[in-house]
Amino acid sequence: MHIVFFGDQHLDSLGGAQVSMRLQREFLERAGHTVTVVAPRMHGPRAGGFDAANVDLPSMPITADREYAMSWPGRSTDRFLDRAMTRRPPVDLVHVQADFWGGFIGHRYAERHGIPVVHTMHNRVDVGIRAVTPLAAPVLAFLNAWRRRALRGSGSGTDGWAFLRGLAAGAAAVTAPSTHFARRLEEHDVFSPVDVVWNGIDDDVREATLAAAPEERAPGRPRFVWLGRMSPEKRLLPFLEAFVAAGVDADLEIIGGGAQRAAAEKIVAGLPHVRFAGKLSYPETLARIAAADALVQTSIGFETQGMTPFEAATLGTPSVISDPDIAAELGGGLWAVPDADGDEPRRIAALAETLRQAASDIAGGTAPVPLPSVAEAFRQSSRTAAMVEVYERVLAGAR
């Protein structure tokens, strides 16, 4: 098969969706398929050279560090894309893995050429927008108006679910990276049934990471690791407030970058065992997770999967989990933070108490153990096989 991925951001940029798409492409190519990735051209210092497997669309930077960009979904971009695709093999299937302009561009391309679409939903649009702006309602109304203009006939509505419903309107199949997100999509009539296909971990990197890790964790000060984008929906600042309040004698490593880094450093200023590692490569990040006694995941209601606890589970590292949906999906090998009904001070207090319990369990040698079944099901090879089944079903239905 020749599958064309559409993304909102270039695969060389930072982000969980980009990591997942890179792995998907690699394992699809190992299985003998051809993958073309269509995304906005990068502008920042991380912008790379030419890659024949990519179609880099004309774009404009949208962040101060020029890491992220957008391409305008319109006739000019359509023409550029169509010309570029004449240099690629005939396309069998479009796989849209974008929530905004990349989604619009991908669905427009598929409709022009009569190609079936599989759409993977990566984003709780409503939660994400509420986390970054007090003007969520007008922003969502604008996004829906933009959607209707870019995708004629994609339906009405002004909220986040209407936006996702409109994106799914042109799809032959919709997948989600977790059971809880799939059920929410079905409950809000976005699409039904939604196939659950977890994002995975690189089989080879996992094996290399486990081979390099010591067989037993040495006793001593507990080691926590938090990683992700430093933005409000990830709840880094409330986590650091909870860590300070917990008063645990533990090491903490924070991996990632973002606009809240300065505020985060201020909260823990003076604490000798807190380290900001910055942005690390994928293998480096997995090695740090494997070396930790516990990973901490603190976003609530935003993650459509929450890859980091699954990565930790495959490496034998238990997690402190704030999101009850992610805790339920993992099934075990974790400390679940009690729900506080949306009250942030109570959430912080509950997280502080859970950190104390986790530190005590680690020091006492009674930390929970991740489920082996999660480790096996999270391998990228198994995830690619599951997605190929979706592709083949869609193509069989299109014939």
Protein backbone atom coordinates (compact mmCIF):
# COMPACT_ATOMS: atom_id res chain seq x y z
CA MET A 1 0.00 0.00 0.00
CA HIS A 2 0.93 3.64 -0.42
CA ILE A 3 -0.41 5.54 2.60
CA VAL A 4 -0.26 9.33 2.91
CA PHE A 5 -0.07 10.73 6.43
CA PHE A 6 -1.28 14.27 7.08
CA GLY A 7 -0.05 16.06 10.20
CA ASP A 8 -0.47 19.49 11.72
CA GLN A 9 3.28 19.64 12.40
CA HIS A 10 6.41 18.40 10.69
CA LEU A 11 7.63 15.06 11.99
CA ASP A 12 11.00 16.58 12.94
CA SER A 13 9.29 18.90 15.43
CA LEU A 14 8.71 18.04 19.09
CA GLY A 15 5.49 16.37 20.21
CA GLY A 16 3.86 13.07 21.08
CA ALA A 17 1.84 12.86 17.87
CA GLN A 18 5.01 13.41 15.85
CA VAL A 19 6.83 10.65 17.77
CA SER A 20 3.92 8.30 17.13
CA MET A 21 3.77 9.12 13.42
CA ARG A 22 7.52 8.62 12.98
CA LEU A 23 7.24 5.18 14.55
CA GLN A 24 4.20 4.30 12.48
CA ARG A 25 6.00 5.24 9.26
CA GLU A 26 9.11 3.26 10.20
CA PHE A 27 7.19 0.08 11.03
CA LEU A 28 4.89 0.37 8.01
CA GLU A 29 7.96 0.69 5.79
CA ARG A 30 9.50 -2.36 7.48
CA ALA A 31 6.34 -4.25 6.52
CA GLY A 32 6.84 -3.28 2.88
CA HIS A 33 4.44 -0.34 2.56
CA THR A 34 5.20 3.16 1.22
CA VAL A 35 4.44 6.17 3.44
CA THR A 36 4.41 9.83 2.40
CA VAL A 37 4.10 12.44 5.16
CA VAL A 38 2.46 15.77 4.33
CA ALA A 39 2.98 18.54 6.89
CA PRO A 40 4.02 22.21 7.18
CA ARG A 41 7.63 23.02 6.39
CA MET A 42 9.72 23.77 9.50
CA HIS A 43 11.42 27.14 9.99
CA GLY A 44 13.43 26.91 13.21
CA PRO A 45 16.97 25.75 13.93
CA ARG A 46 15.77 22.12 13.91
CA ALA A 47 14.62 22.35 10.28
CA GLY A 48 16.29 19.56 8.32
CA GLY A 49 17.12 18.91 4.71
CA PHE A 50 15.17 17.34 1.88
CA ASP A 51 13.45 13.99 2.47
CA ALA A 52 11.79 12.35 -0.53
CA ALA A 53 9.29 10.63 1.80
CA ASN A 54 7.96 14.04 2.92
CA VAL A 55 5.92 16.72 1.22
CA ASP A 56 6.78 19.92 3.11
CA LEU A 57 3.98 22.40 2.48
CA PRO A 58 4.48 26.18 2.30
CA SER A 59 4.01 27.42 5.85
CA MET A 60 4.38 30.23 8.35
CA PRO A 61 5.92 29.91 11.84
CA ILE A 62 3.38 30.27 14.65
CA THR A 63 5.55 30.12 17.79
CA ALA A 64 8.31 32.42 18.98
CA ASP A 65 10.94 29.68 18.78
CA ARG A 66 9.80 28.85 15.21
CA GLU A 67 9.46 25.18 16.20
CA TYR A 68 5.87 24.97 14.96
CA ALA A 69 4.25 26.21 11.77
CA MET A 70 0.93 26.19 9.94
CA SER A 71 -0.08 25.77 6.31
CA TRP A 72 -3.19 27.51 5.06
CA PRO A 73 -5.85 25.08 3.76
CA GLY A 74 -6.86 26.60 0.45
CA ARG A 75 -6.53 26.33 -3.30
CA SER A 76 -2.90 27.41 -3.41
CA THR A 77 -1.88 24.69 -0.97
CA ASP A 78 -4.07 22.19 -2.82
CA ARG A 79 -2.27 22.94 -6.10
CA PHE A 80 1.17 22.72 -4.47
CA LEU A 81 0.29 19.37 -2.90
CA ASP A 82 -1.18 17.91 -6.09
CA ARG A 83 1.95 18.84 -8.06
CA ALA A 84 4.21 17.33 -5.39
CA MET A 85 2.23 14.08 -5.29
CA THR A 86 2.71 13.52 -9.04
CA ARG A 87 6.28 12.56 -8.11
CA ARG A 88 5.06 9.86 -5.70
CA PRO A 89 3.44 6.45 -6.41
CA PRO A 90 -0.35 6.21 -6.77
CA VAL A 91 -2.03 6.64 -3.39
CA ASP A 92 -4.18 3.88 -1.89
CA LEU A 93 -5.24 5.50 1.36
CA VAL A 94 -5.06 8.79 3.26
CA HIS A 95 -4.41 8.63 7.01
CA VAL A 96 -5.20 11.98 8.63
CA GLN A 97 -3.49 12.41 12.01
CA ALA A 98 -4.13 16.12 12.37
CA ASP A 99 -6.70 18.18 14.22
CA PHE A 100 -6.52 21.53 12.49
CA TRP A 101 -5.04 22.75 9.17
CA GLY A 102 -3.39 19.40 8.45
CA GLY A 103 -6.76 17.70 8.86
CA PHE A 104 -8.45 20.15 6.53
CA ILE A 105 -5.73 19.77 3.90
CA GLY A 106 -5.79 15.97 4.13
CA HIS A 107 -9.56 15.64 3.77
CA ARG A 108 -9.57 18.11 0.87
CA TYR A 109 -6.88 16.07 -0.88
CA ALA A 110 -8.75 12.79 -0.36
CA GLU A 111 -12.03 14.24 -1.60
CA ARG A 112 -10.42 15.69 -4.75
CA HIS A 113 -8.92 12.34 -5.68
CA GLY A 114 -11.59 9.93 -4.42
CA ILE A 115 -9.27 8.26 -1.88
CA PRO A 116 -10.64 6.68 1.33
CA VAL A 117 -9.63 8.24 4.65
CA VAL A 118 -8.70 6.81 8.02
CA HIS A 119 -8.69 9.57 10.64
CA THR A 120 -6.86 9.20 13.96
CA MET A 121 -8.14 11.57 16.63
CA HIS A 122 -5.22 12.80 18.76
CA ASN A 123 -6.73 15.84 20.49
CA ARG A 124 -9.42 16.69 23.04
CA VAL A 125 -9.88 20.05 21.33
CA ASP A 126 -12.34 21.41 23.90
CA VAL A 127 -10.16 20.63 26.93
CA GLY A 128 -6.97 21.86 25.28
CA ILE A 129 -8.44 25.21 24.29
CA ARG A 130 -10.05 25.78 27.69
CA ALA A 131 -6.64 25.17 29.28
CA VAL A 132 -4.87 27.89 27.33
CA THR A 133 -7.47 30.65 26.96
CA PRO A 134 -10.40 32.11 28.94
CA LEU A 135 -12.10 32.74 25.59
CA ALA A 136 -12.70 29.09 24.74
CA ALA A 137 -16.25 29.53 23.42
CA PRO A 138 -15.45 32.18 20.78
CA VAL A 139 -12.24 30.33 19.81
CA LEU A 140 -14.18 27.12 19.26
CA ALA A 141 -16.83 29.02 17.30
CA PHE A 142 -14.09 30.44 15.09
CA LEU A 143 -12.52 27.01 14.57
CA ASN A 144 -15.85 25.56 13.54
CA ALA A 145 -16.47 28.40 11.12
CA TRP A 146 -13.00 27.80 9.65
CA ARG A 147 -13.79 24.08 9.39
CA ARG A 148 -17.04 24.72 7.54
CA ARG A 149 -15.25 27.01 5.11
CA ALA A 150 -12.37 24.59 4.48
CA LEU A 151 -14.53 21.43 4.42
CA ARG A 152 -17.81 22.17 2.69
CA GLY A 153 -20.66 20.03 3.98
CA SER A 154 -18.89 19.04 7.20
CA GLY A 155 -21.85 19.92 9.42
CA SER A 156 -22.92 22.58 11.89
CA GLY A 157 -22.15 23.22 15.56
CA THR A 158 -19.84 25.49 17.53
CA ASP A 159 -18.31 23.37 20.31
CA GLY A 160 -15.31 21.04 20.41
CA TRP A 161 -17.30 17.90 19.65
CA ALA A 162 -18.91 19.55 16.63
CA PHE A 163 -15.41 20.37 15.40
CA LEU A 164 -14.28 16.73 15.69
CA ARG A 165 -17.57 15.54 14.22
CA GLY A 166 -16.98 17.70 11.17
CA LEU A 167 -13.43 16.37 10.75
CA ALA A 168 -14.70 12.79 10.91
CA ALA A 169 -17.48 13.41 8.38
CA GLY A 170 -15.26 12.47 5.44
CA ALA A 171 -13.64 9.42 7.04
CA ALA A 172 -14.27 5.76 6.29
CA ALA A 173 -12.84 4.81 9.69
CA VAL A 174 -11.84 6.69 12.84
CA THR A 175 -9.27 5.45 15.34
CA ALA A 176 -8.41 6.67 18.82
CA PRO A 177 -5.33 5.89 20.92
CA SER A 178 -7.29 4.85 24.02
CA THR A 179 -10.52 3.15 24.99
CA HIS A 180 -11.70 6.09 27.09
CA PHE A 181 -11.28 8.59 24.24
CA ALA A 182 -12.91 6.22 21.74
CA ARG A 183 -15.97 5.88 23.97
CA ARG A 184 -16.22 9.66 24.37
CA LEU A 185 -16.08 10.13 20.61
CA GLU A 186 -18.90 7.62 20.20
CA GLU A 187 -20.98 9.15 23.01
CA HIS A 188 -20.77 12.57 21.30
CA ASP A 189 -21.68 11.15 17.88
CA VAL A 190 -18.32 11.96 16.34
CA PHE A 191 -18.12 8.51 14.71
CA SER A 192 -19.17 4.95 15.49
CA PRO A 193 -17.65 2.51 15.97
CA VAL A 194 -14.24 4.00 16.76
CA ASP A 195 -11.30 1.58 16.50
CA VAL A 196 -8.92 1.65 19.48
CA VAL A 197 -5.28 1.50 18.36
CA TRP A 198 -2.80 2.57 21.02
CA ASN A 199 0.26 4.59 20.10
CA GLY A 200 3.30 2.38 20.66
CA ILE A 201 6.90 2.24 21.74
CA ASP A 202 9.75 1.40 19.37
CA ASP A 203 10.42 -2.33 19.84
CA ASP A 204 14.16 -2.00 19.20
CA VAL A 205 14.71 1.05 21.42
CA ARG A 206 12.71 -0.63 24.18
CA GLU A 207 14.87 -3.74 24.06
CA ALA A 208 18.08 -1.67 23.98
CA THR A 209 16.88 0.45 26.91
CA LEU A 210 15.99 -2.60 28.99
CA ALA A 211 19.31 -4.26 28.12
CA ALA A 212 21.23 -1.21 29.34
CA ALA A 213 19.22 -0.82 32.55
CA PRO A 214 20.37 -2.56 35.75
CA GLU A 215 18.41 -5.70 36.60
CA GLU A 216 17.48 -4.32 40.03
CA ARG A 217 16.93 -0.77 41.17
CA ALA A 218 19.48 0.24 43.80
CA PRO A 219 17.97 1.36 47.12
CA GLY A 220 18.28 5.00 48.05
CA ARG A 221 16.46 8.27 47.55
CA PRO A 222 13.36 7.71 45.36
CA ARG A 223 13.69 9.07 41.83
CA PHE A 224 10.66 10.68 40.17
CA VAL A 225 10.54 11.84 36.56
CA TRP A 226 8.00 14.18 34.92
CA LEU A 227 8.07 14.83 31.19
CA GLY A 228 6.04 16.73 28.68
CA ARG A 229 5.27 20.12 27.23
CA MET A 230 5.41 22.87 29.85
CA SER A 231 1.95 24.31 29.21
CA PRO A 232 -1.15 24.68 31.41
CA GLU A 233 -3.04 21.57 30.29
CA LYS A 234 -0.10 19.38 31.43
CA ARG A 235 -0.37 20.80 34.99
CA LEU A 236 3.36 21.04 35.65
CA LEU A 237 3.03 24.01 38.01
CA PRO A 238 0.38 22.35 40.23
CA PHE A 239 2.55 19.24 40.29
CA LEU A 240 5.58 21.20 41.51
CA GLU A 241 3.44 22.88 44.17
CA ALA A 242 2.37 19.39 45.28
CA PHE A 243 5.96 18.15 45.26
CA VAL A 244 7.03 21.03 47.50
CA ALA A 245 4.05 20.47 49.80
CA ALA A 246 4.75 16.73 49.98
CA GLY A 247 8.18 17.41 51.50
CA VAL A 248 9.52 14.06 50.30
CA ASP A 249 13.24 13.31 50.32
CA ALA A 250 13.38 12.42 46.64
CA ASP A 251 15.10 13.29 43.38
CA LEU A 252 12.96 14.84 40.66
CA GLU A 253 13.92 15.18 37.02
CA ILE A 254 11.78 17.31 34.70
CA ILE A 255 12.15 16.64 30.98
CA GLY A 256 10.79 18.90 28.25
CA GLY A 257 10.37 22.56 27.47
CA GLY A 258 7.76 25.23 27.03
CA ALA A 259 6.48 28.60 28.08
CA GLN A 260 6.04 27.70 31.77
CA ARG A 261 9.64 26.70 32.42
CA ALA A 262 10.60 29.95 34.17
CA ALA A 263 7.55 29.77 36.43
CA ALA A 264 8.31 26.12 37.16
CA GLU A 265 11.92 26.84 38.11
CA LYS A 266 10.74 29.58 40.46
CA ILE A 267 8.45 27.21 42.39
CA VAL A 268 11.27 24.77 43.18
CA ALA A 269 14.11 27.28 43.47
CA GLY A 270 16.44 26.21 46.26
CA LEU A 271 15.42 22.55 46.27
CA PRO A 272 18.71 20.68 45.78
CA HIS A 273 17.34 17.49 44.25
CA VAL A 274 15.21 18.95 41.42
CA ARG A 275 16.77 19.00 37.96
CA PHE A 276 15.47 20.44 34.68
CA ALA A 277 16.90 18.29 31.89
CA GLY A 278 15.43 20.23 28.97
CA LYS A 279 14.48 18.53 25.71
CA LEU A 280 15.99 15.08 25.22
CA SER A 281 16.00 12.64 22.33
CA TYR A 282 13.55 9.73 22.26
CA PRO A 283 16.14 7.10 23.34
CA GLU A 284 17.49 9.42 26.05
CA THR A 285 13.98 10.02 27.38
CA LEU A 286 13.19 6.32 27.53
CA ALA A 287 16.49 5.69 29.34
CA ARG A 288 15.58 8.29 31.98
CA ILE A 289 12.13 6.71 32.44
CA ALA A 290 13.70 3.27 32.84
CA ALA A 291 16.15 4.61 35.43
CA ALA A 292 13.42 6.30 37.51
CA ASP A 293 11.50 4.71 40.37
CA ALA A 294 8.27 6.38 39.25
CA LEU A 295 6.96 8.51 36.43
CA VAL A 296 4.48 11.26 37.31
CA GLN A 297 1.62 12.09 34.92
CA THR A 298 -0.42 15.10 35.99
CA SER A 299 -2.75 16.27 33.20
CA ILE A 300 -6.44 15.55 33.75
CA GLY A 301 -9.04 15.09 31.00
CA PHE A 302 -6.74 16.36 28.25
CA GLU A 303 -4.76 13.33 27.12
CA THR A 304 -6.35 11.15 24.46
CA GLN A 305 -3.96 8.39 25.53
CA GLY A 306 -1.16 9.76 27.67
CA MET A 307 1.80 7.92 26.15
CA THR A 308 4.32 8.42 28.95
CA PRO A 309 2.70 6.08 31.54
CA PHE A 310 2.46 3.38 28.87
CA GLU A 311 6.11 3.89 27.93
CA ALA A 312 6.97 3.66 31.62
CA ALA A 313 4.95 0.47 32.03
CA THR A 314 6.75 -1.22 29.12
CA LEU A 315 10.07 -0.33 30.83
CA GLY A 316 8.98 -1.65 34.24
CA THR A 317 8.53 1.77 35.85
CA PRO A 318 5.30 2.42 37.79
CA SER A 319 3.48 5.75 37.54
CA VAL A 320 1.72 8.30 39.69
CA ILE A 321 -1.45 9.03 37.67
CA SER A 322 -3.75 12.03 38.09
CA ASP A 323 -6.18 11.19 35.26
CA PRO A 324 -8.62 8.42 36.31
CA ASP A 325 -9.23 7.41 32.68
CA ILE A 326 -5.53 6.76 32.09
CA ALA A 327 -5.28 4.89 35.39
CA ALA A 328 -8.16 2.64 34.33
CA GLU A 329 -6.60 2.04 30.90
CA LEU A 330 -3.30 0.95 32.45
CA GLY A 331 -5.11 -1.38 34.82
CA GLY A 332 -2.34 -1.64 37.42
CA GLY A 333 1.24 -0.81 38.31
CA LEU A 334 0.44 2.69 39.51
CA TRP A 335 -0.52 5.05 42.32
CA ALA A 336 -3.84 6.70 41.42
CA VAL A 337 -4.38 10.24 42.71
CA PRO A 338 -7.87 10.51 44.28
CA ASP A 339 -10.37 12.57 42.31
CA ALA A 340 -11.05 16.02 43.79
CA ASP A 341 -14.06 17.02 41.64
CA GLY A 342 -12.17 19.72 39.73
CA ASP A 343 -11.11 21.69 42.82
CA GLU A 344 -7.46 22.55 42.14
CA PRO A 345 -6.30 23.16 45.74
CA ARG A 346 -7.77 19.77 46.71
CA ARG A 347 -6.19 18.19 43.66
CA ILE A 348 -2.78 19.53 44.69
CA ALA A 349 -3.27 18.25 48.25
CA ALA A 350 -4.31 14.82 46.96
CA LEU A 351 -1.31 14.68 44.65
CA ALA A 352 1.04 15.66 47.49
CA GLU A 353 -0.33 12.84 49.65
CA THR A 354 0.02 10.36 46.76
CA LEU A 355 3.64 11.43 46.25
CA ARG A 356 4.31 10.77 49.93
CA GLN A 357 2.78 7.32 49.60
CA ALA A 358 4.76 6.57 46.45
CA ALA A 359 8.03 7.68 48.04
CA SER A 360 7.29 5.52 51.09
CA ASP A 361 6.45 2.46 48.97
CA ILE A 362 9.58 2.90 46.84
CA ALA A 363 11.82 3.25 49.88
CA GLY A 364 10.16 0.22 51.46
CA GLY A 365 10.47 -1.96 48.37
CA THR A 366 6.68 -2.28 47.93
CA ALA A 367 6.15 -0.20 44.79
CA PRO A 368 3.51 -1.59 42.39
CA VAL A 369 4.65 -3.49 39.30
CA PRO A 370 3.29 -2.64 35.81
CA LEU A 371 1.24 -5.32 34.07
CA PRO A 372 3.21 -7.47 31.58
CA SER A 373 0.19 -7.46 29.23
CA VAL A 374 0.48 -3.68 28.80
CA ALA A 375 4.15 -3.97 27.87
CA GLU A 376 3.39 -6.52 25.16
CA ALA A 377 0.37 -4.68 23.72
CA PHE A 378 2.26 -1.38 23.55
CA ARG A 379 4.98 -2.59 21.14
CA GLN A 380 4.88 -0.60 17.90
CA SER A 381 5.02 -3.79 15.82
CA SER A 382 1.70 -4.92 17.32
CA ARG A 383 0.20 -1.44 16.91
CA THR A 384 1.18 -1.32 13.24
CA ALA A 385 -0.37 -4.74 12.64
CA ALA A 386 -3.61 -3.50 14.23
CA MET A 387 -3.64 -0.37 12.05
CA VAL A 388 -2.97 -2.36 8.88
CA GLU A 389 -6.10 -4.39 9.66
CA VAL A 390 -8.06 -1.10 9.72
CA TYR A 391 -6.49 -0.04 6.40
CA GLU A 392 -7.33 -3.35 4.73
CA ARG A 393 -10.92 -3.23 5.96
CA VAL A 394 -11.36 0.30 4.62
CA LEU A 395 -9.84 -0.56 1.25
CA ALA A 396 -11.99 -3.68 0.96
CA GLY A 397 -15.07 -1.56 1.60
CA ALA A 398 -13.99 1.01 -0.99
CA ARG A 399 -13.63 -1.52 -3.80
